[in-house]
Amino acid sequence: MASNSSLSVRRINSQVIFVQVLVSCFLFINIFLITTFLMKEYFYTTMRYILFATTLLSDCLFLLLTNILLICSYFGIFMQMWLCIILYLAFSLCTFVTPLTLTAMTLERYVAICMPLRHAELCSTHKTLHWIYVIHGLGFVPGFVILSIFFALASHSHFTQRGLCIVQAFILQTWQGHLRSAISQFYFLVMCILIVFSYTEIMKVAKAASGENKKSTNKGLRTVILHACQLLLCLIQFWCPFIEAAVLQINILLFINIRYFNYVTFYLSPRCLSPVIYGLRDEMFFRALKYNALCGLHKR
């Protein structure tokens, strides 16, 4: 028994160390990308790059928050409910901001390719700030709804006790879980419709285009496909808590293992696609990255 316990502890520690390495790498890459974004005026006056930077900032905060919650869950660290509420609200916001921003970036590509004459008007810096406010407002709604219901139903003792900071701590009634699921599925459906609509319209333009326009349109189409893959991984996150809640009723060790798999596959993986889409595929951003990585020694 002692041998099995020791083996389990070593496995948990190795999993935590592996996650720390991944999170550290992603944070370093994201911070480097944000630094590159801030060093060139064209980037922070262009809508798609501003939205890209928004996802990077959201991802950095998301990685930090989820890493803290994962460590607390693994090592059974309890915290005060008021602190858990703050962390959950920030976590919920970041969870929705990234897929919402990806949807906005897809729509920006749709406007650029299908409505080029109106692109400057609809995708100006001023309009971009408005869209960022809308994105964060929409991202705030699900967490606010869940916490408002929790405040209405929870007794005073809930706010004074300590416990594991997990989503299930705020679900006091079965119907709350159903409501949370309904909100997530509604967001999922709307974003999927917008992605499919943009892809279909860009596909039509790609078939009719020729020469350089066709090359540019096909590149935009591939970007939309990558956004769709990234968005799909992000949206699968909405299903993870319900799977974990069911497993928690069966076995706590199985719950920890499932949560670890979900975290690495559906929480960390989508965060590594943003650098690939814009850091490597976007020619202008790649040149700026190369210039900064070589400390200005690379020829412009």
Protein backbone atom coordinates (compact mmCIF):
# COMPACT_ATOMS: atom_id res chain seq x y z
CA MET A 1 0.00 0.00 0.00
CA ALA A 2 2.81 2.39 0.90
CA SER A 3 4.53 1.58 -2.41
CA ASN A 4 1.35 2.33 -4.39
CA SER A 5 0.86 5.61 -2.51
CA SER A 6 4.46 6.65 -3.19
CA LEU A 7 4.07 5.79 -6.90
CA SER A 8 0.86 7.85 -7.10
CA VAL A 9 2.57 10.84 -5.45
CA ARG A 10 5.51 10.63 -7.87
CA ARG A 11 3.16 10.44 -10.86
CA ILE A 12 1.18 13.46 -9.65
CA ASN A 13 4.39 15.43 -9.08
CA SER A 14 5.68 14.56 -12.57
CA GLN A 15 2.36 15.66 -14.10
CA VAL A 16 2.48 18.97 -12.23
CA ILE A 17 6.11 19.55 -13.29
CA PHE A 18 5.19 18.78 -16.93
CA VAL A 19 2.36 21.32 -16.79
CA GLN A 20 4.68 23.95 -15.27
CA VAL A 21 7.11 23.48 -18.16
CA LEU A 22 4.31 23.83 -20.74
CA VAL A 23 2.78 26.87 -19.06
CA SER A 24 6.19 28.56 -18.72
CA CYS A 25 6.95 27.96 -22.41
CA PHE A 26 3.57 29.28 -23.57
CA LEU A 27 3.81 32.33 -21.31
CA PHE A 28 7.32 33.12 -22.59
CA ILE A 29 6.19 32.81 -26.23
CA ASN A 30 3.06 34.91 -25.63
CA ILE A 31 4.99 37.65 -23.82
CA PHE A 32 7.52 37.74 -26.66
CA LEU A 33 4.68 38.07 -29.18
CA ILE A 34 3.07 40.86 -27.14
CA THR A 35 6.42 42.67 -27.02
CA THR A 36 6.72 42.39 -30.81
CA PHE A 37 3.16 43.70 -31.21
CA LEU A 38 3.95 46.79 -29.12
CA MET A 39 7.16 47.62 -30.99
CA LYS A 40 5.57 48.32 -34.39
CA GLU A 41 2.92 51.00 -34.88
CA TYR A 42 1.25 49.19 -37.76
CA PHE A 43 0.32 46.28 -35.50
CA TYR A 44 -1.49 48.29 -32.84
CA THR A 45 -3.39 50.31 -35.44
CA THR A 46 -4.66 47.26 -37.39
CA MET A 47 -7.75 45.39 -36.23
CA ARG A 48 -6.60 41.79 -36.69
CA TYR A 49 -3.36 42.39 -34.80
CA ILE A 50 -5.15 44.22 -31.99
CA LEU A 51 -7.54 41.28 -31.63
CA PHE A 52 -4.57 38.91 -31.78
CA ALA A 53 -2.93 40.80 -28.90
CA THR A 54 -6.23 40.60 -26.99
CA THR A 55 -6.19 36.80 -27.27
CA LEU A 56 -2.56 36.72 -26.13
CA LEU A 57 -3.31 38.80 -23.02
CA SER A 58 -6.39 36.72 -22.27
CA ASP A 59 -4.42 33.51 -22.75
CA CYS A 60 -1.65 34.67 -20.40
CA LEU A 61 -4.15 35.43 -17.63
CA PHE A 62 -6.00 32.19 -18.38
CA LEU A 63 -2.81 30.12 -18.13
CA LEU A 64 -1.87 31.72 -14.81
CA LEU A 65 -5.32 31.25 -13.29
CA THR A 66 -5.82 27.66 -14.45
CA ASN A 67 -2.32 26.76 -13.33
CA ILE A 68 -3.05 28.10 -9.83
CA LEU A 69 -6.35 26.20 -9.67
CA LEU A 70 -4.72 23.01 -10.98
CA ILE A 71 -1.99 23.13 -8.31
CA CYS A 72 -4.58 23.77 -5.59
CA SER A 73 -6.65 20.83 -6.84
CA TYR A 74 -3.68 18.45 -7.05
CA PHE A 75 -2.33 19.20 -3.61
CA GLY A 76 -5.68 19.69 -1.87
CA ILE A 77 -5.07 23.36 -1.03
CA PHE A 78 -8.23 24.95 0.36
CA MET A 79 -9.00 28.66 0.02
CA GLN A 80 -11.58 31.14 1.25
CA MET A 81 -14.78 31.35 -0.79
CA TRP A 82 -14.41 35.09 -1.51
CA LEU A 83 -11.02 34.45 -3.15
CA CYS A 84 -12.44 31.52 -5.11
CA ILE A 85 -15.27 33.74 -6.38
CA ILE A 86 -12.77 36.31 -7.73
CA LEU A 87 -10.68 33.60 -9.40
CA TYR A 88 -13.75 31.95 -10.91
CA LEU A 89 -15.07 35.24 -12.33
CA ALA A 90 -11.69 35.99 -13.96
CA PHE A 91 -11.42 32.39 -15.18
CA SER A 92 -14.91 32.46 -16.70
CA LEU A 93 -14.18 35.77 -18.43
CA CYS A 94 -10.95 34.47 -20.01
CA THR A 95 -12.62 31.20 -21.00
CA PHE A 96 -15.16 33.05 -23.15
CA VAL A 97 -13.03 36.00 -24.30
CA THR A 98 -10.63 33.88 -26.37
CA PRO A 99 -13.26 32.05 -28.51
CA LEU A 100 -15.28 35.27 -28.86
CA THR A 101 -12.17 37.12 -30.06
CA LEU A 102 -11.36 34.30 -32.49
CA THR A 103 -14.86 34.64 -33.90
CA ALA A 104 -14.34 38.39 -34.29
CA MET A 105 -11.01 37.74 -36.07
CA THR A 106 -12.80 35.37 -38.47
CA LEU A 107 -15.43 38.02 -39.17
CA GLU A 108 -12.65 40.54 -39.82
CA ARG A 109 -11.23 38.19 -42.48
CA TYR A 110 -14.73 37.88 -43.94
CA VAL A 111 -15.07 41.67 -44.20
CA ALA A 112 -11.54 42.03 -45.66
CA ILE A 113 -12.15 39.44 -48.39
CA CYS A 114 -15.88 39.73 -49.11
CA MET A 115 -16.41 43.44 -48.41
CA PRO A 116 -13.00 45.06 -49.15
CA LEU A 117 -14.45 48.51 -49.87
CA ARG A 118 -15.97 48.70 -46.37
CA HIS A 119 -13.05 47.12 -44.54
CA ALA A 120 -11.40 50.42 -43.60
CA GLU A 121 -14.71 51.74 -42.24
CA LEU A 122 -15.84 48.62 -40.33
CA CYS A 123 -12.41 47.58 -39.03
CA SER A 124 -10.92 50.90 -37.94
CA THR A 125 -9.03 51.24 -34.65
CA HIS A 126 -11.98 53.06 -33.10
CA LYS A 127 -14.41 50.29 -34.11
CA THR A 128 -11.94 47.67 -32.86
CA LEU A 129 -12.04 49.15 -29.35
CA HIS A 130 -15.83 48.99 -29.43
CA TRP A 131 -15.67 45.33 -30.43
CA ILE A 132 -13.24 44.58 -27.60
CA TYR A 133 -15.70 46.13 -25.12
CA VAL A 134 -18.51 44.01 -26.60
CA ILE A 135 -16.37 40.84 -26.45
CA HIS A 136 -15.49 41.36 -22.78
CA GLY A 137 -19.08 42.28 -21.96
CA LEU A 138 -20.36 39.06 -23.53
CA GLY A 139 -17.57 37.08 -21.86
CA PHE A 140 -18.54 38.49 -18.46
CA VAL A 141 -22.21 37.42 -18.70
CA PRO A 142 -21.94 33.62 -18.06
CA GLY A 143 -19.83 33.98 -14.91
CA PHE A 144 -22.00 36.82 -13.64
CA VAL A 145 -25.19 34.76 -14.12
CA ILE A 146 -23.78 31.70 -12.31
CA LEU A 147 -22.45 33.75 -9.39
CA SER A 148 -25.66 35.80 -9.09
CA ILE A 149 -27.68 32.59 -8.69
CA PHE A 150 -25.08 31.26 -6.25
CA PHE A 151 -25.37 34.41 -4.10
CA ALA A 152 -29.16 34.05 -4.09
CA LEU A 153 -29.15 30.38 -3.05
CA ALA A 154 -26.09 30.02 -0.83
CA SER A 155 -26.34 30.30 2.93
CA HIS A 156 -24.05 32.54 4.96
CA SER A 157 -21.91 29.55 5.94
CA HIS A 158 -20.89 29.01 2.30
CA PHE A 159 -19.11 32.36 2.26
CA THR A 160 -17.11 31.72 5.43
CA GLN A 161 -15.96 28.15 4.79
CA ARG A 162 -12.79 27.01 3.05
CA GLY A 163 -12.68 24.42 0.27
CA LEU A 164 -11.28 23.38 -3.09
CA CYS A 165 -11.80 26.10 -5.70
CA ILE A 166 -13.59 24.17 -8.44
CA VAL A 167 -16.55 25.11 -10.64
CA GLN A 168 -18.74 22.53 -8.88
CA ALA A 169 -18.51 24.58 -5.67
CA PHE A 170 -20.93 27.12 -7.19
CA ILE A 171 -23.47 24.55 -8.41
CA LEU A 172 -25.85 24.01 -5.48
CA GLN A 173 -28.86 22.74 -7.46
CA THR A 174 -29.04 20.41 -10.45
CA TRP A 175 -30.84 23.01 -12.55
CA GLN A 176 -27.90 25.40 -12.10
CA GLY A 177 -25.70 22.92 -13.94
CA HIS A 178 -28.31 22.68 -16.70
CA LEU A 179 -28.46 26.48 -16.97
CA ARG A 180 -24.68 26.73 -17.17
CA SER A 181 -24.71 24.07 -19.87
CA ALA A 182 -27.44 25.91 -21.80
CA ILE A 183 -25.50 29.20 -21.73
CA SER A 184 -22.32 27.49 -22.94
CA GLN A 185 -24.16 25.63 -25.71
CA PHE A 186 -25.84 28.86 -26.85
CA TYR A 187 -22.45 30.58 -27.17
CA PHE A 188 -21.11 27.46 -28.91
CA LEU A 189 -23.96 27.46 -31.44
CA VAL A 190 -23.76 31.17 -32.28
CA MET A 191 -19.98 31.10 -32.75
CA CYS A 192 -20.17 27.97 -34.91
CA ILE A 193 -22.83 29.58 -37.13
CA LEU A 194 -20.65 32.69 -37.61
CA ILE A 195 -17.57 30.58 -38.42
CA VAL A 196 -19.45 28.44 -40.97
CA PHE A 197 -21.05 31.54 -42.52
CA SER A 198 -17.66 33.27 -42.90
CA TYR A 199 -16.03 30.14 -44.34
CA THR A 200 -18.85 29.65 -46.88
CA GLU A 201 -18.77 33.27 -48.05
CA ILE A 202 -14.97 33.33 -48.34
CA MET A 203 -15.12 30.04 -50.26
CA LYS A 204 -17.48 31.64 -52.78
CA VAL A 205 -15.11 34.56 -53.28
CA ALA A 206 -12.14 32.18 -53.58
CA LYS A 207 -13.80 30.28 -56.42
CA ALA A 208 -14.52 33.50 -58.32
CA ALA A 209 -11.10 35.10 -57.70
CA SER A 210 -8.07 34.87 -59.99
CA GLY A 211 -4.35 35.65 -59.88
CA GLU A 212 -3.07 37.49 -56.81
CA ASN A 213 -6.61 37.92 -55.47
CA LYS A 214 -7.08 34.15 -55.50
CA LYS A 215 -3.79 33.61 -53.66
CA SER A 216 -4.74 36.16 -50.99
CA THR A 217 -8.26 34.75 -50.68
CA ASN A 218 -6.98 31.18 -50.31
CA LYS A 219 -4.59 32.33 -47.58
CA GLY A 220 -7.51 33.98 -45.78
CA LEU A 221 -9.50 30.77 -46.18
CA ARG A 222 -6.71 28.73 -44.56
CA THR A 223 -6.56 31.25 -41.70
CA VAL A 224 -10.30 30.83 -41.13
CA ILE A 225 -9.87 27.03 -41.07
CA LEU A 226 -7.10 27.33 -38.45
CA HIS A 227 -9.29 29.69 -36.42
CA ALA A 228 -12.10 27.13 -36.64
CA CYS A 229 -9.82 24.36 -35.32
CA GLN A 230 -8.62 26.58 -32.50
CA LEU A 231 -12.17 27.65 -31.74
CA LEU A 232 -13.36 24.04 -31.68
CA LEU A 233 -10.72 23.14 -29.07
CA CYS A 234 -11.70 26.21 -27.02
CA LEU A 235 -15.40 25.36 -27.23
CA ILE A 236 -14.81 21.77 -26.08
CA GLN A 237 -13.71 23.37 -22.80
CA PHE A 238 -17.38 24.17 -22.17
CA TRP A 239 -18.13 20.44 -22.02
CA CYS A 240 -15.23 19.51 -19.73
CA PRO A 241 -16.79 20.64 -16.40
CA PHE A 242 -19.84 18.45 -16.97
CA ILE A 243 -17.73 15.38 -17.68
CA GLU A 244 -15.60 16.15 -14.63
CA ALA A 245 -18.68 16.64 -12.43
CA ALA A 246 -19.98 13.19 -13.39
CA VAL A 247 -16.58 11.56 -12.76
CA LEU A 248 -16.24 13.32 -9.40
CA GLN A 249 -19.25 11.35 -8.14
CA ILE A 250 -17.46 8.08 -9.01
CA ASN A 251 -13.82 8.41 -7.97
CA ILE A 252 -11.69 11.35 -6.84
CA LEU A 253 -8.44 9.96 -8.34
CA LEU A 254 -10.14 9.37 -11.69
CA PHE A 255 -11.51 12.93 -11.48
CA ILE A 256 -7.96 14.29 -11.04
CA ASN A 257 -6.65 12.27 -14.00
CA ILE A 258 -9.54 13.29 -16.28
CA ARG A 259 -9.12 16.91 -15.25
CA TYR A 260 -5.41 16.74 -16.04
CA PHE A 261 -6.08 15.28 -19.51
CA ASN A 262 -8.74 17.93 -20.25
CA TYR A 263 -6.45 20.71 -19.07
CA VAL A 264 -3.53 19.69 -21.29
CA THR A 265 -5.65 18.79 -24.34
CA PHE A 266 -8.44 21.38 -24.36
CA TYR A 267 -7.07 24.24 -22.25
CA LEU A 268 -3.35 24.40 -23.06
CA SER A 269 -3.36 23.16 -26.68
CA PRO A 270 -5.58 25.94 -28.13
CA ARG A 271 -3.26 28.50 -26.56
CA CYS A 272 -0.32 27.25 -28.65
CA LEU A 273 -2.15 27.72 -31.96
CA SER A 274 -2.27 31.54 -31.81
CA PRO A 275 1.53 31.86 -32.17
CA VAL A 276 1.40 29.44 -35.12
CA ILE A 277 -1.42 31.31 -36.91
CA TYR A 278 0.00 34.82 -36.59
CA GLY A 279 3.53 34.39 -35.28
CA LEU A 280 4.64 32.09 -38.10
CA ARG A 281 2.02 32.28 -40.89
CA ASP A 282 1.62 36.06 -41.03
CA GLU A 283 4.52 37.32 -43.14
CA MET A 284 4.74 40.82 -41.68
CA PHE A 285 4.49 39.64 -38.06
CA PHE A 286 7.02 36.86 -38.73
CA ARG A 287 9.55 39.40 -40.08
CA ALA A 288 9.07 41.53 -36.96
CA LEU A 289 9.48 38.45 -34.75
CA LYS A 290 12.66 37.46 -36.58
CA TYR A 291 14.04 40.99 -36.26
CA ASN A 292 13.39 41.07 -32.50
CA ALA A 293 14.61 37.52 -31.92
CA LEU A 294 17.93 38.40 -33.56
CA CYS A 295 18.09 41.68 -31.60
CA GLY A 296 17.91 43.78 -34.74
CA LEU A 297 20.80 42.01 -36.52
CA HIS A 298 18.49 40.59 -39.19
CA LYS A 299 18.22 42.81 -42.27
CA ARG A 300 14.87 44.49 -42.74
